[in-house]
C-alpha atoms as a PDB file:
ATOM      1  CA  MET A   1       0.000   0.000   0.000  1.00  0.00           C
ATOM      2  CA  SER A   2       1.296   3.408  -0.951  1.00  0.00           C
ATOM      3  CA  VAL A   3       2.122   5.988   1.713  1.00  0.00           C
ATOM      4  CA  LEU A   4       0.495   8.518  -0.614  1.00  0.00           C
ATOM      5  CA  LYS A   5      -3.273   8.460  -0.190  1.00  0.00           C
ATOM      6  CA  THR A   6      -4.264   9.802  -3.603  1.00  0.00           C
ATOM      7  CA  GLU A   7      -4.943   7.828  -6.736  1.00  0.00           C
ATOM      8  CA  PRO A   8      -2.120   8.153  -9.275  1.00  0.00           C
ATOM      9  CA  VAL A   9      -3.041  10.181 -12.359  1.00  0.00           C
ATOM     10  CA  ALA A  10      -1.458  11.177 -15.653  1.00  0.00           C
ATOM     11  CA  ALA A  11       0.001  14.699 -15.684  1.00  0.00           C
ATOM     12  CA  GLU A  12       0.411  17.250 -18.427  1.00  0.00           C
ATOM     13  CA  ILE A  13       2.854  20.169 -18.271  1.00  0.00           C
ATOM     14  CA  ASP A  14       2.539  22.914 -20.906  1.00  0.00           C
ATOM     15  CA  GLY A  15       0.616  20.554 -23.178  1.00  0.00           C
ATOM     16  CA  GLN A  16       3.139  17.707 -22.879  1.00  0.00           C
ATOM     17  CA  GLN A  17       2.497  14.360 -21.197  1.00  0.00           C
ATOM     18  CA  LEU A  18       4.851  14.114 -18.212  1.00  0.00           C
ATOM     19  CA  LYS A  19       7.022  11.035 -17.893  1.00  0.00           C
ATOM     20  CA  CYS A  20       9.124  10.414 -14.823  1.00  0.00           C
ATOM     21  CA  LEU A  21      12.694  11.583 -15.349  1.00  0.00           C
ATOM     22  CA  MET A  22      14.028   8.459 -13.643  1.00  0.00           C
ATOM     23  CA  CYS A  23      11.861   5.551 -14.816  1.00  0.00           C
ATOM     24  CA  HIS A  24       9.624   7.060 -17.549  1.00  0.00           C
ATOM     25  CA  HIS A  25       6.439   6.005 -15.724  1.00  0.00           C
ATOM     26  CA  GLU A  26       3.367   8.153 -16.503  1.00  0.00           C
ATOM     27  CA  ALA A  27       1.314   8.094 -13.281  1.00  0.00           C
ATOM     28  CA  PHE A  28       1.842  10.545 -10.410  1.00  0.00           C
ATOM     29  CA  HIS A  29       0.491  11.622  -7.037  1.00  0.00           C
ATOM     30  CA  LYS A  30       0.001  15.398  -6.839  1.00  0.00           C
ATOM     31  CA  ARG A  31       0.985  17.251  -3.651  1.00  0.00           C
ATOM     32  CA  ARG A  32       1.017  20.920  -2.671  1.00  0.00           C
ATOM     33  CA  SER A  33       4.131  22.131  -0.941  1.00  0.00           C
ATOM     34  CA  HIS A  34       5.917  25.244   0.172  1.00  0.00           C
ATOM     35  CA  ILE A  35       9.540  26.120  -0.464  1.00  0.00           C
ATOM     36  CA  ASP A  36      11.181  27.406   2.709  1.00  0.00           C
ATOM     37  CA  VAL A  37      14.653  28.606   1.885  1.00  0.00           C
ATOM     38  CA  ALA A  38      17.053  28.956   4.798  1.00  0.00           C
ATOM     39  CA  LEU A  39      19.127  31.480   2.871  1.00  0.00           C
ATOM     40  CA  SER A  40      16.127  33.445   1.592  1.00  0.00           C
ATOM     41  CA  SER A  41      17.689  36.770   2.589  1.00  0.00           C
ATOM     42  CA  ALA A  42      20.563  36.114   0.185  1.00  0.00           C
ATOM     43  CA  MET A  43      18.226  35.054  -2.596  1.00  0.00           C
ATOM     44  CA  ASN A  44      15.587  36.791  -4.656  1.00  0.00           C
ATOM     45  CA  PRO A  45      12.659  37.315  -2.224  1.00  0.00           C
ATOM     46  CA  ASP A  46      10.175  36.811  -5.089  1.00  0.00           C
ATOM     47  CA  TRP A  47      11.441  33.228  -5.417  1.00  0.00           C
ATOM     48  CA  ALA A  48      11.756  32.340  -1.747  1.00  0.00           C
ATOM     49  CA  ASP A  49       8.801  30.952   0.224  1.00  0.00           C
ATOM     50  CA  ARG A  50       6.620  30.383  -2.844  1.00  0.00           C
ATOM     51  CA  GLN A  51       3.758  27.948  -3.142  1.00  0.00           C
ATOM     52  CA  THR A  52       4.745  24.910  -5.168  1.00  0.00           C
ATOM     53  CA  TYR A  53       3.353  21.591  -6.150  1.00  0.00           C
ATOM     54  CA  CYS A  54       5.087  18.332  -6.736  1.00  0.00           C
ATOM     55  CA  LEU A  55       4.256  15.214  -8.671  1.00  0.00           C
ATOM     56  CA  VAL A  56       5.505  12.021  -7.066  1.00  0.00           C
ATOM     57  CA  CYS A  57       6.072   9.126  -9.450  1.00  0.00           C
ATOM     58  CA  ASP A  58       3.780   6.227  -8.553  1.00  0.00           C
ATOM     59  CA  HIS A  59       6.417   3.711  -9.657  1.00  0.00           C
ATOM     60  CA  CYS A  60       9.766   4.893  -8.260  1.00  0.00           C
ATOM     61  CA  GLY A  61       8.847   7.795  -5.949  1.00  0.00           C
ATOM     62  CA  PHE A  62      10.967  10.409  -7.743  1.00  0.00           C
ATOM     63  CA  ILE A  63       9.625  13.890  -6.884  1.00  0.00           C
ATOM     64  CA  HIS A  64       9.141  16.421  -9.691  1.00  0.00           C
ATOM     65  CA  TRP A  65       8.811  19.991  -8.300  1.00  0.00           C
ATOM     66  CA  PHE A  66       6.954  22.838 -10.023  1.00  0.00           C
ATOM     67  CA  MET A  67       6.527  26.452  -8.906  1.00  0.00           C
ATOM     68  CA  SER A  68       3.111  28.074  -9.189  1.00  0.00           C
ATOM     69  CA  LYS A  69       2.890  31.012 -11.546  1.00  0.00           C
END
């Protein structure tokens, strides 16, 4: 049983079917996340602490991160 409690789904990014970068699987669990950058004061504040989402490969668990626009 998966630790992730969602059903895996296909994902599309900018009109392209997403395939896992590690295993080329095409089913993912979608999660919302938040980037907390320890060095945010040294970085662009517009980038730091932004809402993100990630797609976790249902096969190998590789996490693909995407920033919200």
